[in-house]
């Protein structure tokens, strides 16, 4: 049994900026190479989405007030993936400020409801 939990919508894969910024803010030892950045930039999200196995359960959590990646992107992404659950957190921004518990609850609910 496989599953995937995706908290950011596909637009973040275009630059990797958020991942790097979060790593720097949290003092992670994080290395971005030219190759890793180019791999992210060149990722075809449509092709990657349709290649996900039908047996893989997939959760996307997205904020309705995300100004970095529009919530409409999450709906489009959800259409491409079989066995997909899209959870929109009303009022949440890109970093889920003031909505951390709702993110955790959505992930835990997904895990427990799928018997994982």
N, C-alpha and C. Protein backbone atom coordinates (compact mmCIF):
# COMPACT_ATOMS: atom_id res chain seq x y z
N UNK A 1 0.85 -1.17 0.00
CA UNK A 1 0.00 0.00 0.00
C UNK A 1 0.90 1.24 0.00
N UNK A 2 0.62 2.16 -0.88
CA UNK A 2 1.42 3.38 -0.93
C UNK A 2 0.53 4.59 -0.80
N UNK A 3 1.12 5.68 -0.32
CA UNK A 3 0.38 6.93 -0.23
C UNK A 3 1.34 8.08 -0.34
N UNK A 4 0.80 9.22 -0.69
CA UNK A 4 1.60 10.43 -0.81
C UNK A 4 0.83 11.57 -0.18
N UNK A 5 1.50 12.39 0.59
CA UNK A 5 0.89 13.58 1.17
C UNK A 5 1.65 14.77 0.61
N UNK A 6 0.93 15.62 -0.05
CA UNK A 6 1.53 16.77 -0.72
C UNK A 6 0.93 18.03 -0.13
N UNK A 7 1.69 18.79 0.64
CA UNK A 7 1.14 19.94 1.33
C UNK A 7 1.19 21.19 0.48
N UNK A 8 2.09 21.27 -0.46
CA UNK A 8 2.14 22.43 -1.35
C UNK A 8 1.56 22.05 -2.70
N UNK A 9 1.05 23.02 -3.39
CA UNK A 9 0.51 22.79 -4.72
C UNK A 9 1.65 22.80 -5.75
N UNK A 10 1.41 22.31 -6.95
CA UNK A 10 2.51 22.12 -7.90
C UNK A 10 3.27 23.36 -8.30
N UNK A 11 2.72 24.52 -8.18
CA UNK A 11 3.42 25.72 -8.58
C UNK A 11 4.74 25.90 -7.86
N UNK A 12 4.85 25.42 -6.62
CA UNK A 12 6.10 25.59 -5.88
C UNK A 12 7.24 24.80 -6.49
N UNK A 13 6.91 23.85 -7.31
CA UNK A 13 7.97 23.07 -7.94
C UNK A 13 8.66 23.83 -9.06
N UNK A 14 8.12 24.97 -9.41
CA UNK A 14 8.72 25.74 -10.50
C UNK A 14 10.04 26.38 -10.10
N UNK A 15 10.17 26.76 -8.84
CA UNK A 15 11.40 27.45 -8.43
C UNK A 15 12.11 26.80 -7.26
N UNK A 16 11.38 26.12 -6.41
CA UNK A 16 11.99 25.59 -5.20
C UNK A 16 12.26 26.67 -4.18
N UNK A 17 11.80 27.89 -4.45
CA UNK A 17 12.08 29.03 -3.58
C UNK A 17 11.58 28.79 -2.17
N UNK A 18 10.35 28.33 -2.02
CA UNK A 18 9.78 28.14 -0.69
C UNK A 18 10.57 27.12 0.12
N UNK A 19 10.95 26.05 -0.54
CA UNK A 19 11.70 25.01 0.15
C UNK A 19 13.03 25.55 0.66
N UNK A 20 13.71 26.31 -0.17
CA UNK A 20 14.99 26.89 0.22
C UNK A 20 14.80 27.93 1.32
N UNK A 21 13.79 28.79 1.16
CA UNK A 21 13.53 29.83 2.16
C UNK A 21 13.21 29.20 3.52
N UNK A 22 12.36 28.19 3.52
CA UNK A 22 12.01 27.52 4.77
C UNK A 22 13.24 26.87 5.40
N UNK A 23 14.06 26.27 4.57
CA UNK A 23 15.27 25.63 5.08
C UNK A 23 16.18 26.66 5.74
N UNK A 24 16.32 27.82 5.12
CA UNK A 24 17.18 28.85 5.69
C UNK A 24 16.60 29.39 6.99
N UNK A 25 15.29 29.57 7.03
CA UNK A 25 14.65 30.10 8.23
C UNK A 25 14.76 29.12 9.39
N UNK A 26 14.73 27.85 9.10
CA UNK A 26 14.75 26.84 10.14
C UNK A 26 16.16 26.34 10.43
N UNK A 27 17.15 26.95 9.82
CA UNK A 27 18.55 26.59 10.03
C UNK A 27 18.86 25.14 9.64
N UNK A 28 18.20 24.65 8.61
CA UNK A 28 18.52 23.33 8.10
C UNK A 28 19.84 23.40 7.35
N UNK A 29 20.56 22.30 7.34
CA UNK A 29 21.73 22.19 6.48
C UNK A 29 21.19 21.75 5.13
N UNK A 30 21.08 22.67 4.22
CA UNK A 30 20.37 22.44 2.96
C UNK A 30 21.24 22.88 1.81
N UNK A 31 21.40 22.04 0.83
CA UNK A 31 22.24 22.38 -0.30
C UNK A 31 21.41 22.35 -1.59
N UNK A 32 21.47 23.43 -2.31
CA UNK A 32 20.84 23.50 -3.63
C UNK A 32 21.95 23.56 -4.65
N UNK A 33 21.95 22.58 -5.53
CA UNK A 33 22.95 22.59 -6.60
C UNK A 33 22.28 23.08 -7.88
N UNK A 34 23.09 23.44 -8.83
CA UNK A 34 22.55 23.86 -10.12
C UNK A 34 21.71 22.72 -10.71
N UNK A 35 22.19 21.50 -10.58
CA UNK A 35 21.48 20.35 -11.12
C UNK A 35 20.13 20.15 -10.43
N UNK A 36 20.10 20.26 -9.10
CA UNK A 36 18.84 20.05 -8.39
C UNK A 36 17.84 21.15 -8.71
N UNK A 37 18.33 22.38 -8.84
CA UNK A 37 17.44 23.49 -9.19
C UNK A 37 16.90 23.31 -10.61
N UNK A 38 17.75 22.93 -11.54
CA UNK A 38 17.31 22.73 -12.92
C UNK A 38 16.31 21.57 -13.02
N UNK A 39 16.52 20.54 -12.22
CA UNK A 39 15.57 19.42 -12.21
C UNK A 39 14.19 19.89 -11.77
N UNK A 40 14.15 20.73 -10.74
CA UNK A 40 12.87 21.26 -10.27
C UNK A 40 12.22 22.15 -11.31
N UNK A 41 13.00 23.03 -11.89
CA UNK A 41 12.47 23.97 -12.88
C UNK A 41 11.91 23.22 -14.09
N UNK A 42 12.57 22.14 -14.47
CA UNK A 42 12.18 21.40 -15.68
C UNK A 42 11.17 20.28 -15.43
N UNK A 43 10.66 20.18 -14.21
CA UNK A 43 9.68 19.14 -13.92
C UNK A 43 8.37 19.45 -14.63
N UNK A 44 7.90 18.50 -15.41
CA UNK A 44 6.60 18.61 -16.07
C UNK A 44 5.57 18.04 -15.11
N UNK A 45 4.85 18.92 -14.41
CA UNK A 45 3.92 18.48 -13.38
C UNK A 45 2.77 17.65 -13.94
N UNK A 46 2.32 17.96 -15.14
CA UNK A 46 1.24 17.16 -15.73
C UNK A 46 1.71 15.73 -15.96
N UNK A 47 2.88 15.58 -16.54
CA UNK A 47 3.42 14.24 -16.79
C UNK A 47 3.69 13.51 -15.48
N UNK A 48 4.24 14.22 -14.50
CA UNK A 48 4.52 13.61 -13.20
C UNK A 48 3.21 13.17 -12.53
N UNK A 49 2.18 13.98 -12.66
CA UNK A 49 0.89 13.68 -12.04
C UNK A 49 0.24 12.43 -12.63
N UNK A 50 0.21 12.35 -13.94
CA UNK A 50 -0.45 11.20 -14.57
C UNK A 50 0.36 9.92 -14.43
N UNK A 51 1.61 10.03 -14.04
CA UNK A 51 2.42 8.82 -13.85
C UNK A 51 2.24 8.21 -12.46
N UNK A 52 1.48 8.87 -11.58
CA UNK A 52 1.25 8.35 -10.23
C UNK A 52 0.33 7.14 -10.33
N UNK A 53 0.70 6.07 -9.67
CA UNK A 53 -0.05 4.82 -9.70
C UNK A 53 -1.48 5.03 -9.19
N UNK A 54 -2.43 4.32 -9.81
CA UNK A 54 -3.82 4.35 -9.35
C UNK A 54 -3.96 3.78 -7.95
N UNK A 55 -3.00 2.99 -7.53
CA UNK A 55 -3.05 2.37 -6.21
C UNK A 55 -2.51 3.29 -5.12
N UNK A 56 -1.90 4.38 -5.50
CA UNK A 56 -1.34 5.32 -4.53
C UNK A 56 -2.41 6.30 -4.08
N UNK A 57 -2.64 6.37 -2.79
CA UNK A 57 -3.57 7.36 -2.25
C UNK A 57 -2.81 8.67 -2.13
N UNK A 58 -3.47 9.77 -2.48
CA UNK A 58 -2.77 11.05 -2.59
C UNK A 58 -3.57 12.15 -1.92
N UNK A 59 -2.92 12.92 -1.05
CA UNK A 59 -3.55 14.05 -0.37
C UNK A 59 -2.83 15.33 -0.74
N UNK A 60 -3.61 16.35 -1.12
CA UNK A 60 -3.07 17.69 -1.31
C UNK A 60 -3.78 18.59 -0.31
N UNK A 61 -3.02 19.36 0.44
CA UNK A 61 -3.57 20.36 1.36
C UNK A 61 -3.19 21.72 0.80
N UNK A 62 -4.17 22.61 0.67
CA UNK A 62 -3.91 23.92 0.08
C UNK A 62 -4.76 24.97 0.79
N UNK A 63 -4.22 26.16 0.94
CA UNK A 63 -4.95 27.26 1.57
C UNK A 63 -5.76 28.05 0.56
N UNK A 64 -6.99 28.43 0.93
CA UNK A 64 -7.85 29.19 0.02
C UNK A 64 -7.34 30.61 -0.20
N UNK A 65 -6.54 31.13 0.74
CA UNK A 65 -6.03 32.50 0.63
C UNK A 65 -4.57 32.54 0.21
N UNK A 66 -4.09 31.47 -0.41
CA UNK A 66 -2.70 31.40 -0.87
C UNK A 66 -2.51 32.37 -2.04
N UNK A 67 -1.66 33.38 -1.83
CA UNK A 67 -1.39 34.35 -2.89
C UNK A 67 -0.15 33.98 -3.70
N UNK A 68 0.61 33.00 -3.23
CA UNK A 68 1.80 32.54 -3.95
C UNK A 68 1.39 31.57 -5.06
N UNK A 69 0.55 30.63 -4.70
CA UNK A 69 0.03 29.64 -5.66
C UNK A 69 -1.48 29.66 -5.55
N UNK A 70 -2.17 30.10 -6.57
CA UNK A 70 -3.63 30.21 -6.50
C UNK A 70 -4.29 28.87 -6.20
N UNK A 71 -5.36 28.92 -5.43
CA UNK A 71 -6.08 27.70 -5.07
C UNK A 71 -6.61 26.99 -6.32
N UNK A 72 -6.84 27.73 -7.38
CA UNK A 72 -7.29 27.11 -8.63
C UNK A 72 -6.27 26.10 -9.15
N UNK A 73 -4.99 26.35 -8.89
CA UNK A 73 -3.95 25.39 -9.29
C UNK A 73 -4.14 24.05 -8.58
N UNK A 74 -4.54 24.11 -7.32
CA UNK A 74 -4.77 22.88 -6.56
C UNK A 74 -5.91 22.08 -7.16
N UNK A 75 -6.97 22.77 -7.58
CA UNK A 75 -8.10 22.07 -8.21
C UNK A 75 -7.68 21.43 -9.53
N UNK A 76 -6.88 22.13 -10.31
CA UNK A 76 -6.40 21.58 -11.58
C UNK A 76 -5.50 20.36 -11.34
N UNK A 77 -4.62 20.47 -10.36
CA UNK A 77 -3.72 19.37 -10.00
C UNK A 77 -4.54 18.15 -9.58
N UNK A 78 -5.59 18.39 -8.80
CA UNK A 78 -6.43 17.30 -8.29
C UNK A 78 -7.10 16.52 -9.41
N UNK A 79 -7.42 17.19 -10.50
CA UNK A 79 -8.08 16.53 -11.63
C UNK A 79 -7.16 15.51 -12.31
N UNK A 80 -5.87 15.69 -12.19
CA UNK A 80 -4.91 14.84 -12.90
C UNK A 80 -4.57 13.54 -12.19
N UNK A 81 -4.79 13.49 -10.88
CA UNK A 81 -4.30 12.36 -10.09
C UNK A 81 -5.45 11.47 -9.64
N UNK A 82 -5.38 10.18 -9.96
CA UNK A 82 -6.41 9.26 -9.46
C UNK A 82 -6.23 9.03 -7.96
N UNK A 83 -7.30 8.61 -7.30
CA UNK A 83 -7.21 8.28 -5.87
C UNK A 83 -6.72 9.47 -5.06
N UNK A 84 -7.20 10.65 -5.39
CA UNK A 84 -6.71 11.91 -4.84
C UNK A 84 -7.74 12.56 -3.93
N UNK A 85 -7.28 13.06 -2.80
CA UNK A 85 -8.14 13.85 -1.93
C UNK A 85 -7.54 15.25 -1.84
N UNK A 86 -8.35 16.24 -2.14
CA UNK A 86 -7.93 17.64 -2.04
C UNK A 86 -8.60 18.23 -0.81
N UNK A 87 -7.79 18.77 0.09
CA UNK A 87 -8.31 19.40 1.30
C UNK A 87 -7.95 20.88 1.26
N UNK A 88 -8.96 21.73 1.12
CA UNK A 88 -8.76 23.18 1.11
C UNK A 88 -8.99 23.71 2.51
N UNK A 89 -8.03 24.46 3.03
CA UNK A 89 -8.18 25.08 4.34
C UNK A 89 -8.61 26.53 4.12
N UNK A 90 -9.84 26.82 4.49
CA UNK A 90 -10.41 28.15 4.29
C UNK A 90 -9.61 29.20 5.05
N UNK A 91 -9.23 30.25 4.34
CA UNK A 91 -8.53 31.38 4.94
C UNK A 91 -7.04 31.20 5.11
N UNK A 92 -6.52 30.01 4.82
CA UNK A 92 -5.09 29.75 5.02
C UNK A 92 -4.28 30.35 3.88
N UNK A 93 -3.13 30.94 4.26
CA UNK A 93 -2.22 31.49 3.25
C UNK A 93 -1.22 30.40 2.83
N UNK A 94 -0.19 30.79 2.09
CA UNK A 94 0.77 29.84 1.56
C UNK A 94 1.54 29.10 2.66
N UNK A 95 1.79 29.77 3.78
CA UNK A 95 2.54 29.15 4.87
C UNK A 95 1.65 28.62 5.98
N UNK A 96 0.34 28.65 5.76
CA UNK A 96 -0.64 28.15 6.73
C UNK A 96 -0.53 28.86 8.08
N UNK A 97 -0.14 30.13 8.05
CA UNK A 97 -0.05 30.91 9.28
C UNK A 97 -1.40 30.85 9.99
N UNK A 98 -1.39 30.52 11.24
CA UNK A 98 -2.60 30.41 12.08
C UNK A 98 -3.48 29.22 11.68
N UNK A 99 -2.97 28.33 10.87
CA UNK A 99 -3.76 27.16 10.45
C UNK A 99 -2.96 25.86 10.57
N UNK A 100 -1.91 25.87 11.37
CA UNK A 100 -1.04 24.69 11.49
C UNK A 100 -1.81 23.46 12.00
N UNK A 101 -2.68 23.68 12.99
CA UNK A 101 -3.43 22.56 13.55
C UNK A 101 -4.34 21.95 12.49
N UNK A 102 -4.95 22.78 11.66
CA UNK A 102 -5.82 22.28 10.61
C UNK A 102 -5.05 21.43 9.60
N UNK A 103 -3.82 21.84 9.30
CA UNK A 103 -2.98 21.04 8.39
C UNK A 103 -2.69 19.68 9.03
N UNK A 104 -2.27 19.71 10.29
CA UNK A 104 -1.96 18.46 10.99
C UNK A 104 -3.19 17.56 11.07
N UNK A 105 -4.35 18.15 11.37
CA UNK A 105 -5.59 17.37 11.45
C UNK A 105 -5.93 16.74 10.11
N UNK A 106 -5.76 17.49 9.02
CA UNK A 106 -6.06 16.96 7.68
C UNK A 106 -5.16 15.78 7.35
N UNK A 107 -3.88 15.91 7.67
CA UNK A 107 -2.92 14.84 7.39
C UNK A 107 -3.23 13.61 8.25
N UNK A 108 -3.46 13.82 9.54
CA UNK A 108 -3.78 12.69 10.43
C UNK A 108 -5.07 12.00 10.01
N UNK A 109 -6.08 12.79 9.64
CA UNK A 109 -7.34 12.21 9.19
C UNK A 109 -7.13 11.37 7.93
N UNK A 110 -6.33 11.86 7.01
CA UNK A 110 -6.04 11.13 5.78
C UNK A 110 -5.35 9.80 6.09
N UNK A 111 -4.37 9.86 6.98
CA UNK A 111 -3.62 8.65 7.33
C UNK A 111 -4.53 7.63 8.02
N UNK A 112 -5.29 8.08 9.02
CA UNK A 112 -6.13 7.13 9.75
C UNK A 112 -7.31 6.63 8.93
N UNK A 113 -7.90 7.49 8.09
CA UNK A 113 -9.04 7.06 7.28
C UNK A 113 -8.64 6.06 6.19
N UNK A 114 -7.37 6.02 5.87
CA UNK A 114 -6.88 5.07 4.88
C UNK A 114 -6.23 3.85 5.52
N UNK A 115 -6.36 3.74 6.83
CA UNK A 115 -5.81 2.58 7.53
C UNK A 115 -4.30 2.49 7.47
N UNK A 116 -3.66 3.64 7.41
CA UNK A 116 -2.20 3.65 7.29
C UNK A 116 -1.54 3.81 8.63
